Amino acid sequence: MADTKSNRFGLGWTLTTAVGLGAGMVAGLILGGPIAAVVGMMLVTPAVTCLVGGVLGLSQLHHMRSLVARPYQWVVASCVGLGAGLALGVVVVEQGGRVLTGHAMNVARVGVLGRALSFAVVGTISGLLLGMTQSLVLRRGAVRVHGWTSATVFALGLGFPLSSLAVDTLLGGVVSPRGVVAFVLLAGLILGAVTVRPLRRAAA
């Protein structure tokens, strides 16, 4: 009975995390233009990345209600953490490419390994900031969740480059719509599968 409940929780968490990250990314891509028209080009990147984090947090909210005292804080933490992480990761990759090559890095124009490395940097930074902000919410809950930040760093730091390599190998890269969808869904599945482990230990 307990194993069945744990397995159901794990499957639900993994799938909703994948759908949440995928839906957030797709929504960000679709709404990037309209958002830019409202807030201007200077603010479009943080606005879009915060949207991604907010959708991810909302998708996980049902599973977090029993673990955190104020569930809405989980959405805010996800919005701020992933939003800041993705935005900072993109800046680091672009500026790092500028230092190394003399021009800003464009992941669509680099080779397969270069693209995977770029996504590894973005994923690691995103996982770090997402994990740190979400950990602040988890610490206020009734159940202690240990190793959360490490799990998110590992999940996104590994999930982004692995997803990039898989999409490049099987679908021709992230330049096509199906490539983008496959990338974010696969990365979301990895994020969900890795982060469910500390949640299961806490809820046991």
N, C-alpha and C. Protein backbone atom coordinates (compact mmCIF):
# COMPACT_ATOMS: atom_id res chain seq x y z
N MET A 1 0.83 -1.21 0.00
CA MET A 1 0.00 0.00 0.00
C MET A 1 0.86 1.25 0.00
N ALA A 2 1.86 1.27 0.92
CA ALA A 2 2.74 2.44 0.99
C ALA A 2 3.58 2.56 -0.28
N ASP A 3 4.04 1.41 -0.80
CA ASP A 3 4.83 1.43 -2.02
C ASP A 3 4.00 1.92 -3.20
N THR A 4 2.75 1.50 -3.26
CA THR A 4 1.86 1.95 -4.34
C THR A 4 1.65 3.45 -4.28
N LYS A 5 1.43 3.96 -3.07
CA LYS A 5 1.25 5.41 -2.91
C LYS A 5 2.51 6.17 -3.29
N SER A 6 3.67 5.63 -2.88
CA SER A 6 4.94 6.27 -3.21
C SER A 6 5.19 6.27 -4.71
N ASN A 7 4.88 5.14 -5.36
CA ASN A 7 5.07 5.06 -6.81
C ASN A 7 4.13 6.00 -7.55
N ARG A 8 2.90 6.11 -7.05
CA ARG A 8 1.94 7.02 -7.67
C ARG A 8 2.41 8.47 -7.53
N PHE A 9 2.91 8.80 -6.35
CA PHE A 9 3.44 10.15 -6.12
C PHE A 9 4.63 10.42 -7.05
N GLY A 10 5.54 9.45 -7.15
CA GLY A 10 6.73 9.63 -7.99
C GLY A 10 6.38 9.82 -9.45
N LEU A 11 5.45 9.01 -9.95
CA LEU A 11 5.04 9.14 -11.35
C LEU A 11 4.35 10.47 -11.59
N GLY A 12 3.44 10.84 -10.66
CA GLY A 12 2.73 12.11 -10.82
C GLY A 12 3.66 13.30 -10.79
N TRP A 13 4.61 13.29 -9.84
CA TRP A 13 5.57 14.38 -9.74
C TRP A 13 6.42 14.49 -11.01
N THR A 14 6.91 13.37 -11.48
CA THR A 14 7.77 13.38 -12.67
C THR A 14 7.03 13.89 -13.89
N LEU A 15 5.81 13.41 -14.10
CA LEU A 15 5.05 13.82 -15.29
C LEU A 15 4.62 15.27 -15.21
N THR A 16 4.14 15.72 -14.05
CA THR A 16 3.71 17.11 -13.94
C THR A 16 4.90 18.08 -14.05
N THR A 17 6.06 17.66 -13.55
CA THR A 17 7.25 18.49 -13.70
C THR A 17 7.64 18.61 -15.16
N ALA A 18 7.59 17.49 -15.89
CA ALA A 18 7.92 17.52 -17.32
C ALA A 18 6.94 18.41 -18.09
N VAL A 19 5.66 18.23 -17.81
CA VAL A 19 4.64 19.04 -18.50
C VAL A 19 4.78 20.51 -18.11
N GLY A 20 5.05 20.77 -16.82
CA GLY A 20 5.18 22.16 -16.37
C GLY A 20 6.35 22.87 -17.01
N LEU A 21 7.52 22.22 -17.03
CA LEU A 21 8.68 22.85 -17.66
C LEU A 21 8.45 23.01 -19.16
N GLY A 22 7.86 21.99 -19.79
CA GLY A 22 7.59 22.08 -21.22
C GLY A 22 6.59 23.18 -21.55
N ALA A 23 5.50 23.23 -20.79
CA ALA A 23 4.48 24.25 -21.03
C ALA A 23 5.03 25.65 -20.77
N GLY A 24 5.86 25.78 -19.74
CA GLY A 24 6.45 27.08 -19.44
C GLY A 24 7.37 27.56 -20.55
N MET A 25 8.21 26.66 -21.05
CA MET A 25 9.13 27.02 -22.13
C MET A 25 8.37 27.40 -23.40
N VAL A 26 7.39 26.58 -23.75
CA VAL A 26 6.61 26.86 -24.96
C VAL A 26 5.84 28.17 -24.81
N ALA A 27 5.25 28.39 -23.64
CA ALA A 27 4.54 29.65 -23.41
C ALA A 27 5.48 30.84 -23.51
N GLY A 28 6.69 30.68 -22.98
CA GLY A 28 7.68 31.76 -23.08
C GLY A 28 8.04 32.08 -24.51
N LEU A 29 8.21 31.03 -25.33
CA LEU A 29 8.55 31.25 -26.74
C LEU A 29 7.40 31.92 -27.49
N ILE A 30 6.18 31.49 -27.20
CA ILE A 30 5.02 32.05 -27.90
C ILE A 30 4.76 33.49 -27.47
N LEU A 31 4.90 33.76 -26.18
CA LEU A 31 4.55 35.07 -25.65
C LEU A 31 5.72 36.04 -25.61
N GLY A 32 6.90 35.59 -26.07
CA GLY A 32 8.07 36.46 -26.02
C GLY A 32 7.87 37.76 -26.77
N GLY A 33 7.25 37.68 -27.96
CA GLY A 33 7.00 38.88 -28.75
C GLY A 33 6.04 39.84 -28.07
N PRO A 34 4.86 39.38 -27.68
CA PRO A 34 3.93 40.27 -26.97
C PRO A 34 4.49 40.84 -25.67
N ILE A 35 5.26 40.04 -24.93
CA ILE A 35 5.86 40.55 -23.70
C ILE A 35 6.86 41.65 -24.01
N ALA A 36 7.65 41.46 -25.07
CA ALA A 36 8.63 42.49 -25.46
C ALA A 36 7.94 43.79 -25.82
N ALA A 37 6.76 43.70 -26.43
CA ALA A 37 6.03 44.90 -26.81
C ALA A 37 5.54 45.67 -25.58
N VAL A 38 5.32 44.94 -24.48
CA VAL A 38 4.82 45.58 -23.26
C VAL A 38 5.95 46.12 -22.39
N VAL A 39 6.96 45.28 -22.15
CA VAL A 39 8.01 45.66 -21.19
C VAL A 39 9.29 46.14 -21.86
N GLY A 40 9.40 45.95 -23.18
CA GLY A 40 10.61 46.37 -23.88
C GLY A 40 11.63 45.24 -23.95
N MET A 41 12.58 45.37 -24.86
CA MET A 41 13.56 44.32 -25.11
C MET A 41 14.49 44.10 -23.92
N MET A 42 14.75 45.15 -23.14
CA MET A 42 15.66 45.02 -22.01
C MET A 42 15.12 44.05 -20.96
N LEU A 43 13.79 43.99 -20.82
CA LEU A 43 13.19 43.18 -19.76
C LEU A 43 12.54 41.91 -20.27
N VAL A 44 12.58 41.67 -21.58
CA VAL A 44 11.85 40.52 -22.10
C VAL A 44 12.43 39.20 -21.62
N THR A 45 13.76 39.09 -21.53
CA THR A 45 14.36 37.82 -21.10
C THR A 45 13.98 37.46 -19.68
N PRO A 46 14.17 38.35 -18.67
CA PRO A 46 13.73 37.98 -17.32
C PRO A 46 12.24 37.76 -17.21
N ALA A 47 11.45 38.50 -17.97
CA ALA A 47 10.00 38.31 -17.91
C ALA A 47 9.61 36.93 -18.44
N VAL A 48 10.22 36.52 -19.55
CA VAL A 48 9.91 35.22 -20.14
C VAL A 48 10.41 34.09 -19.24
N THR A 49 11.62 34.21 -18.72
CA THR A 49 12.16 33.14 -17.87
C THR A 49 11.39 33.02 -16.56
N CYS A 50 10.92 34.14 -16.03
CA CYS A 50 10.08 34.08 -14.83
C CYS A 50 8.76 33.39 -15.14
N LEU A 51 8.24 33.59 -16.33
CA LEU A 51 7.03 32.89 -16.75
C LEU A 51 7.26 31.38 -16.76
N VAL A 52 8.41 30.96 -17.26
CA VAL A 52 8.74 29.53 -17.28
C VAL A 52 8.74 28.97 -15.86
N GLY A 53 9.40 29.67 -14.94
CA GLY A 53 9.45 29.22 -13.56
C GLY A 53 8.09 29.20 -12.89
N GLY A 54 7.29 30.20 -13.18
CA GLY A 54 5.95 30.26 -12.60
C GLY A 54 5.07 29.11 -13.04
N VAL A 55 5.11 28.78 -14.32
CA VAL A 55 4.32 27.65 -14.83
C VAL A 55 4.81 26.35 -14.23
N LEU A 56 6.13 26.20 -14.10
CA LEU A 56 6.68 25.00 -13.47
C LEU A 56 6.18 24.88 -12.02
N GLY A 57 6.26 25.96 -11.27
CA GLY A 57 5.80 25.94 -9.89
C GLY A 57 4.33 25.61 -9.76
N LEU A 58 3.51 26.17 -10.64
CA LEU A 58 2.07 25.88 -10.63
C LEU A 58 1.81 24.41 -10.91
N SER A 59 2.57 23.83 -11.83
CA SER A 59 2.35 22.42 -12.17
C SER A 59 2.68 21.50 -11.01
N GLN A 60 3.60 21.90 -10.14
CA GLN A 60 4.01 21.07 -9.01
C GLN A 60 3.22 21.35 -7.74
N LEU A 61 2.34 22.33 -7.79
CA LEU A 61 1.68 22.83 -6.58
C LEU A 61 0.86 21.75 -5.87
N HIS A 62 0.15 20.93 -6.64
CA HIS A 62 -0.70 19.90 -6.04
C HIS A 62 0.12 18.96 -5.16
N HIS A 63 1.32 18.60 -5.59
CA HIS A 63 2.15 17.66 -4.85
C HIS A 63 2.84 18.31 -3.65
N MET A 64 2.92 19.64 -3.65
CA MET A 64 3.65 20.32 -2.57
C MET A 64 2.75 20.76 -1.43
N ARG A 65 1.44 20.63 -1.59
CA ARG A 65 0.52 21.16 -0.57
C ARG A 65 0.73 20.52 0.79
N SER A 66 1.11 19.26 0.81
CA SER A 66 1.29 18.59 2.10
C SER A 66 2.69 18.77 2.66
N LEU A 67 3.58 19.40 1.91
CA LEU A 67 4.98 19.52 2.32
C LEU A 67 5.38 20.93 2.72
N VAL A 68 4.66 21.94 2.25
CA VAL A 68 5.02 23.32 2.56
C VAL A 68 3.84 24.01 3.24
N ALA A 69 4.18 24.97 4.11
CA ALA A 69 3.15 25.65 4.89
C ALA A 69 2.30 26.58 4.03
N ARG A 70 2.94 27.27 3.10
CA ARG A 70 2.24 28.21 2.22
C ARG A 70 2.55 27.84 0.78
N PRO A 71 1.72 27.04 0.15
CA PRO A 71 2.01 26.53 -1.20
C PRO A 71 2.27 27.62 -2.25
N TYR A 72 1.61 28.78 -2.11
CA TYR A 72 1.81 29.82 -3.10
C TYR A 72 3.26 30.29 -3.12
N GLN A 73 3.96 30.15 -1.98
CA GLN A 73 5.36 30.54 -1.94
C GLN A 73 6.22 29.65 -2.84
N TRP A 74 5.78 28.43 -3.04
CA TRP A 74 6.50 27.52 -3.95
C TRP A 74 6.47 28.07 -5.37
N VAL A 75 5.32 28.60 -5.78
CA VAL A 75 5.20 29.17 -7.12
C VAL A 75 6.09 30.40 -7.25
N VAL A 76 6.07 31.25 -6.24
CA VAL A 76 6.90 32.45 -6.28
C VAL A 76 8.38 32.08 -6.32
N ALA A 77 8.78 31.12 -5.48
CA ALA A 77 10.18 30.69 -5.45
C ALA A 77 10.61 30.09 -6.78
N SER A 78 9.74 29.31 -7.40
CA SER A 78 10.06 28.71 -8.70
C SER A 78 10.17 29.78 -9.77
N CYS A 79 9.28 30.75 -9.72
CA CYS A 79 9.29 31.85 -10.68
C CYS A 79 10.59 32.64 -10.58
N VAL A 80 10.96 33.02 -9.35
CA VAL A 80 12.16 33.83 -9.14
C VAL A 80 13.42 33.01 -9.42
N GLY A 81 13.49 31.80 -8.88
CA GLY A 81 14.70 30.98 -9.01
C GLY A 81 15.00 30.56 -10.42
N LEU A 82 14.01 29.95 -11.08
CA LEU A 82 14.25 29.50 -12.45
C LEU A 82 14.36 30.69 -13.39
N GLY A 83 13.55 31.72 -13.14
CA GLY A 83 13.63 32.91 -13.98
C GLY A 83 15.00 33.55 -13.95
N ALA A 84 15.53 33.75 -12.72
CA ALA A 84 16.86 34.34 -12.59
C ALA A 84 17.94 33.40 -13.11
N GLY A 85 17.78 32.10 -12.86
CA GLY A 85 18.79 31.14 -13.30
C GLY A 85 18.91 31.05 -14.81
N LEU A 86 17.78 30.95 -15.48
CA LEU A 86 17.81 30.89 -16.95
C LEU A 86 18.38 32.17 -17.54
N ALA A 87 17.92 33.31 -17.02
CA ALA A 87 18.41 34.59 -17.54
C ALA A 87 19.91 34.74 -17.32
N LEU A 88 20.38 34.42 -16.11
CA LEU A 88 21.80 34.53 -15.82
C LEU A 88 22.61 33.53 -16.63
N GLY A 89 22.08 32.32 -16.78
CA GLY A 89 22.77 31.31 -17.57
C GLY A 89 22.96 31.73 -19.01
N VAL A 90 21.94 32.32 -19.59
CA VAL A 90 22.03 32.79 -20.97
C VAL A 90 23.09 33.89 -21.08
N VAL A 91 23.10 34.81 -20.12
CA VAL A 91 24.09 35.90 -20.13
C VAL A 91 25.50 35.34 -20.02
N VAL A 92 25.71 34.37 -19.12
CA VAL A 92 27.04 33.78 -18.95
C VAL A 92 27.49 33.10 -20.24
N VAL A 93 26.61 32.36 -20.88
CA VAL A 93 26.97 31.68 -22.14
C VAL A 93 27.28 32.70 -23.23
N GLU A 94 26.45 33.72 -23.35
CA GLU A 94 26.66 34.73 -24.39
C GLU A 94 27.97 35.48 -24.16
N GLN A 95 28.20 35.90 -22.93
CA GLN A 95 29.42 36.66 -22.65
C GLN A 95 30.66 35.78 -22.68
N GLY A 96 30.51 34.53 -22.24
CA GLY A 96 31.62 33.59 -22.35
C GLY A 96 32.00 33.34 -23.80
N GLY A 97 30.99 33.21 -24.65
CA GLY A 97 31.26 33.06 -26.08
C GLY A 97 31.92 34.28 -26.67
N ARG A 98 31.51 35.44 -26.18
CA ARG A 98 32.12 36.68 -26.68
C ARG A 98 33.60 36.75 -26.32
N VAL A 99 33.93 36.34 -25.08
CA VAL A 99 35.32 36.35 -24.65
C VAL A 99 36.16 35.36 -25.45
N LEU A 100 35.60 34.17 -25.69
CA LEU A 100 36.36 33.10 -26.34
C LEU A 100 36.45 33.26 -27.85
N THR A 101 35.39 33.78 -28.46
CA THR A 101 35.33 33.81 -29.93
C THR A 101 35.26 35.22 -30.51
N GLY A 102 35.00 36.21 -29.66
CA GLY A 102 34.88 37.57 -30.17
C GLY A 102 33.47 37.97 -30.52
N HIS A 103 32.51 37.04 -30.39
CA HIS A 103 31.11 37.38 -30.65
C HIS A 103 30.23 36.56 -29.72
N ALA A 104 28.99 37.00 -29.52
CA ALA A 104 28.08 36.33 -28.60
C ALA A 104 27.76 34.92 -29.10
N MET A 105 27.63 33.99 -28.16
CA MET A 105 27.32 32.61 -28.49
C MET A 105 25.88 32.47 -28.95
N ASN A 106 25.67 31.75 -30.04
CA ASN A 106 24.33 31.42 -30.51
C ASN A 106 24.24 29.91 -30.56
N VAL A 107 23.44 29.31 -29.67
CA VAL A 107 23.41 27.85 -29.56
C VAL A 107 22.91 27.17 -30.82
N ALA A 108 22.16 27.90 -31.62
CA ALA A 108 21.65 27.29 -32.86
C ALA A 108 22.73 27.19 -33.93
N ARG A 109 23.84 27.91 -33.76
CA ARG A 109 24.87 27.96 -34.80
C ARG A 109 26.17 27.27 -34.42
N VAL A 110 26.24 26.76 -33.21
CA VAL A 110 27.46 26.06 -32.79
C VAL A 110 27.29 24.57 -33.04
N GLY A 111 28.38 23.82 -32.87
CA GLY A 111 28.34 22.38 -33.07
C GLY A 111 27.58 21.67 -31.97
N VAL A 112 27.42 20.37 -32.15
CA VAL A 112 26.64 19.56 -31.20
C VAL A 112 27.24 19.62 -29.80
N LEU A 113 28.56 19.43 -29.68
CA LEU A 113 29.19 19.45 -28.37
C LEU A 113 29.20 20.84 -27.75
N GLY A 114 29.41 21.85 -28.58
CA GLY A 114 29.37 23.22 -28.08
C GLY A 114 28.00 23.59 -27.57
N ARG A 115 26.97 23.12 -28.26
CA ARG A 115 25.60 23.39 -27.82
C ARG A 115 25.31 22.66 -26.50
N ALA A 116 25.75 21.42 -26.39
CA ALA A 116 25.54 20.67 -25.16
C ALA A 116 26.27 21.33 -23.99
N LEU A 117 27.49 21.81 -24.23
CA LEU A 117 28.23 22.50 -23.19
C LEU A 117 27.53 23.78 -22.76
N SER A 118 27.00 24.52 -23.72
CA SER A 118 26.26 25.75 -23.40
C SER A 118 25.05 25.44 -22.54
N PHE A 119 24.32 24.38 -22.90
CA PHE A 119 23.14 24.00 -22.12
C PHE A 119 23.54 23.48 -20.74
N ALA A 120 24.71 22.86 -20.63
CA ALA A 120 25.19 22.41 -19.32
C ALA A 120 25.41 23.60 -18.39
N VAL A 121 25.96 24.68 -18.93
CA VAL A 121 26.19 25.89 -18.13
C VAL A 121 24.85 26.50 -17.71
N VAL A 122 23.95 26.65 -18.67
CA VAL A 122 22.63 27.22 -18.36
C VAL A 122 21.89 26.35 -17.36
N GLY A 123 21.95 25.03 -17.56
CA GLY A 123 21.24 24.13 -16.66
C GLY A 123 21.80 24.14 -15.25
N THR A 124 23.13 24.18 -15.13
CA THR A 124 23.75 24.19 -13.80
C THR A 124 23.40 25.46 -13.03
N ILE A 125 23.50 26.60 -13.69
CA ILE A 125 23.17 27.87 -13.03
C ILE A 125 21.68 27.91 -12.69
N SER A 126 20.83 27.46 -13.61
CA SER A 126 19.39 27.45 -13.36
C SER A 126 19.04 26.52 -12.21
N GLY A 127 19.65 25.33 -12.19
CA GLY A 127 19.38 24.39 -11.11
C GLY A 127 19.82 24.91 -9.76
N LEU A 128 20.95 25.62 -9.74
CA LEU A 128 21.45 26.18 -8.48
C LEU A 128 20.48 27.22 -7.91
N LEU A 129 20.08 28.18 -8.73
CA LEU A 129 19.21 29.24 -8.23
C LEU A 129 17.80 28.73 -7.96
N LEU A 130 17.31 27.81 -8.79
CA LEU A 130 16.00 27.22 -8.54
C LEU A 130 16.01 26.44 -7.23
N GLY A 131 17.03 25.63 -7.03
CA GLY A 131 17.11 24.85 -5.81
C GLY A 131 17.24 25.71 -4.57
N MET A 132 18.01 26.79 -4.64
CA MET A 132 18.21 27.66 -3.49
C MET A 132 16.90 28.35 -3.09
N THR A 133 16.18 28.87 -4.06
CA THR A 133 14.94 29.58 -3.73
C THR A 133 13.86 28.61 -3.24
N GLN A 134 13.77 27.44 -3.87
CA GLN A 134 12.78 26.46 -3.41
C GLN A 134 13.14 25.91 -2.03
N SER A 135 14.44 25.79 -1.74
CA SER A 135 14.86 25.30 -0.43
C SER A 135 14.42 26.23 0.68
N LEU A 136 14.39 27.54 0.40
CA LEU A 136 13.92 28.49 1.41
C LEU A 136 12.48 28.20 1.81
N VAL A 137 11.67 27.78 0.83
CA VAL A 137 10.27 27.44 1.12
C VAL A 137 10.19 26.11 1.85
N LEU A 138 10.99 25.14 1.42
CA LEU A 138 10.95 23.82 2.05
C LEU A 138 11.38 23.88 3.52
N ARG A 139 12.31 24.76 3.86
CA ARG A 139 12.78 24.85 5.24
C ARG A 139 11.68 25.33 6.19
N ARG A 140 10.70 26.02 5.66
CA ARG A 140 9.61 26.51 6.50
C ARG A 140 8.48 25.50 6.63
N GLY A 141 8.58 24.39 5.92
CA GLY A 141 7.54 23.37 5.96
C GLY A 141 7.68 22.44 7.15
N ALA A 142 6.66 21.62 7.34
CA ALA A 142 6.67 20.68 8.46
C ALA A 142 7.60 19.51 8.21
N VAL A 143 7.89 19.22 6.94
CA VAL A 143 8.74 18.08 6.58
C VAL A 143 10.06 18.58 6.03
N ARG A 144 11.16 18.07 6.55
CA ARG A 144 12.48 18.47 6.08
C ARG A 144 12.85 17.70 4.82
N VAL A 145 13.29 18.41 3.80
CA VAL A 145 13.73 17.79 2.55
C VAL A 145 15.22 18.08 2.41
N HIS A 146 16.03 17.04 2.51
CA HIS A 146 17.48 17.20 2.48
C HIS A 146 18.02 17.00 1.06
N GLY A 147 19.01 17.81 0.71
CA GLY A 147 19.67 17.65 -0.58
C GLY A 147 18.91 18.18 -1.77
N TRP A 148 17.99 19.12 -1.53
CA TRP A 148 17.15 19.61 -2.62
C TRP A 148 17.95 20.41 -3.65
N THR A 149 18.78 21.33 -3.20
CA THR A 149 19.55 22.15 -4.13
C THR A 149 20.51 21.28 -4.95
N SER A 150 21.16 20.34 -4.29
CA SER A 150 22.06 19.43 -5.02
C SER A 150 21.30 18.66 -6.09
N ALA A 151 20.08 18.24 -5.77
CA ALA A 151 19.27 17.48 -6.74
C ALA A 151 18.90 18.32 -7.95
N THR A 152 18.51 19.58 -7.73
CA THR A 152 18.12 20.42 -8.86
C THR A 152 19.33 20.80 -9.72
N VAL A 153 20.48 21.03 -9.07
CA VAL A 153 21.69 21.32 -9.84
C VAL A 153 22.06 20.13 -10.72
N PHE A 154 22.04 18.95 -10.13
CA PHE A 154 22.37 17.74 -10.88
C PHE A 154 21.36 17.50 -12.00
N ALA A 155 20.08 17.68 -11.68
CA ALA A 155 19.02 17.38 -12.65
C ALA A 155 19.09 18.28 -13.88
N LEU A 156 19.18 19.58 -13.67
CA LEU A 156 19.21 20.50 -14.81
C LEU A 156 20.60 20.59 -15.44
N GLY A 157 21.64 20.49 -14.60
CA GLY A 157 23.00 20.51 -15.15
C GLY A 157 23.27 19.32 -16.04
N LEU A 158 22.63 18.19 -15.76
CA LEU A 158 22.77 17.00 -16.59
C LEU A 158 21.64 16.91 -17.62
N GLY A 159 20.44 17.30 -17.20
CA GLY A 159 19.27 17.15 -18.07
C GLY A 159 19.33 18.01 -19.32
N PHE A 160 19.77 19.27 -19.19
CA PHE A 160 19.83 20.15 -20.36
C PHE A 160 20.80 19.63 -21.43
N PRO A 161 22.05 19.31 -21.09
CA PRO A 161 22.96 18.83 -22.13
C PRO A 161 22.57 17.46 -22.68
N LEU A 162 22.08 16.55 -21.84
CA LEU A 162 21.64 15.25 -22.35
C LEU A 162 20.46 15.40 -23.31
N SER A 163 19.54 16.26 -22.96
CA SER A 163 18.40 16.51 -23.84
C SER A 163 18.85 17.13 -25.16
N SER A 164 19.81 18.04 -25.07
CA SER A 164 20.35 18.66 -26.28
C SER A 164 21.00 17.63 -27.19
N LEU A 165 21.81 16.74 -26.61
CA LEU A 165 22.46 15.70 -27.39
C LEU A 165 21.44 14.75 -28.02
N ALA A 166 20.43 14.38 -27.26
CA ALA A 166 19.40 13.47 -27.77
C ALA A 166 18.63 14.10 -28.92
N VAL A 167 18.25 15.36 -28.76
CA VAL A 167 17.49 16.05 -29.81
C VAL A 167 18.34 16.27 -31.06
N ASP A 168 19.63 16.61 -30.85
CA ASP A 168 20.52 16.76 -31.99
C ASP A 168 20.69 15.45 -32.76
N THR A 169 20.76 14.36 -32.03
CA THR A 169 20.98 13.05 -32.65
C THR A 169 19.75 12.54 -33.37
N LEU A 170 18.58 12.73 -32.75
CA LEU A 170 17.36 12.09 -33.26
C LEU A 170 16.46 13.01 -34.08
N LEU A 171 16.50 14.31 -33.78
CA LEU A 171 15.52 15.22 -34.40
C LEU A 171 16.15 16.40 -35.13
N GLY A 172 17.46 16.43 -35.23
CA GLY A 172 18.10 17.51 -35.96
C GLY A 172 18.31 18.78 -35.18
N GLY A 173 18.16 18.74 -33.85
CA GLY A 173 18.47 19.91 -33.05
C GLY A 173 17.26 20.67 -32.56
N VAL A 174 17.52 21.74 -31.79
CA VAL A 174 16.46 22.54 -31.18
C VAL A 174 15.98 23.67 -32.08
N VAL A 175 16.39 23.65 -33.34
CA VAL A 175 15.98 24.73 -34.24
C VAL A 175 14.56 24.51 -34.77
N SER A 176 14.04 23.29 -34.67
CA SER A 176 12.69 23.00 -35.16
C SER A 176 11.72 22.99 -33.98
N PRO A 177 10.43 23.25 -34.24
CA PRO A 177 9.45 23.21 -33.14
C PRO A 177 9.40 21.87 -32.42
N ARG A 178 9.46 20.76 -33.16
CA ARG A 178 9.42 19.46 -32.49
C ARG A 178 10.69 19.23 -31.67
N GLY A 179 11.80 19.80 -32.13
CA GLY A 179 13.04 19.69 -31.38
C GLY A 179 12.95 20.43 -30.06
N VAL A 180 12.37 21.61 -30.08
CA VAL A 180 12.20 22.40 -28.85
C VAL A 180 11.30 21.67 -27.87
N VAL A 181 10.17 21.15 -28.37
CA VAL A 181 9.22 20.44 -27.50
C VAL A 181 9.89 19.21 -26.90
N ALA A 182 10.59 18.45 -27.72
CA ALA A 182 11.26 17.25 -27.23
C ALA A 182 12.32 17.60 -26.20
N PHE A 183 13.05 18.67 -26.44
CA PHE A 183 14.10 19.10 -25.50
C PHE A 183 13.53 19.41 -24.14
N VAL A 184 12.50 20.24 -24.08
CA VAL A 184 11.98 20.66 -22.78
C VAL A 184 11.25 19.53 -22.07
N LEU A 185 10.58 18.65 -22.81
CA LEU A 185 9.90 17.53 -22.17
C LEU A 185 10.90 16.54 -21.58
N LEU A 186 11.95 16.25 -22.34
CA LEU A 186 12.98 15.33 -21.84
C LEU A 186 13.70 15.92 -20.64
N ALA A 187 14.05 17.21 -20.72
CA ALA A 187 14.70 17.87 -19.58
C ALA A 187 13.78 17.88 -18.37
N GLY A 188 12.49 18.09 -18.60
CA GLY A 188 11.53 18.08 -17.50
C GLY A 188 11.38 16.71 -16.86
N LEU A 189 11.41 15.66 -17.68
CA LEU A 189 11.35 14.30 -17.15
C LEU A 189 12.56 14.00 -16.26
N ILE A 190 13.73 14.44 -16.71
CA ILE A 190 14.94 14.23 -15.91
C ILE A 190 14.86 15.02 -14.61
N LEU A 191 14.40 16.27 -14.69
CA LEU A 191 14.24 17.09 -13.48
C LEU A 191 13.29 16.41 -12.50
N GLY A 192 12.15 15.93 -13.00
CA GLY A 192 11.19 15.28 -12.13
C GLY A 192 11.71 13.99 -11.53
N ALA A 193 12.37 13.17 -12.36
CA ALA A 193 12.86 11.87 -11.90
C ALA A 193 13.95 12.01 -10.85
N VAL A 194 14.79 13.04 -10.97
CA VAL A 194 15.87 13.24 -10.00
C VAL A 194 15.36 13.86 -8.70
N THR A 195 14.51 14.86 -8.81
CA THR A 195 14.07 15.58 -7.61
C THR A 195 13.02 14.82 -6.81
N VAL A 196 12.40 13.82 -7.39
CA VAL A 196 11.40 13.07 -6.62
C VAL A 196 12.05 12.26 -5.51
N ARG A 197 13.32 11.93 -5.64
CA ARG A 197 13.99 11.10 -4.64
C ARG A 197 14.06 11.77 -3.26
N PRO A 198 14.55 13.02 -3.15
CA PRO A 198 14.54 13.65 -1.82
C PRO A 198 13.14 13.89 -1.29
N LEU A 199 12.16 14.12 -2.16
CA LEU A 199 10.78 14.29 -1.70
C LEU A 199 10.23 13.00 -1.11
N ARG A 200 10.53 11.88 -1.75
CA ARG A 200 10.08 10.58 -1.24
C ARG A 200 10.70 10.29 0.13
N ARG A 201 11.99 10.59 0.28
CA ARG A 201 12.64 10.34 1.56
C ARG A 201 12.01 11.19 2.66
N ALA A 202 11.68 12.44 2.30
CA ALA A 202 11.08 13.35 3.30
C ALA A 202 9.68 12.91 3.70
N ALA A 203 8.94 12.39 2.73
CA ALA A 203 7.55 12.02 3.00
C ALA A 203 7.42 10.63 3.62
N ALA A 204 8.52 9.87 3.59
CA ALA A 204 8.46 8.48 4.11
C ALA A 204 8.24 8.44 5.63
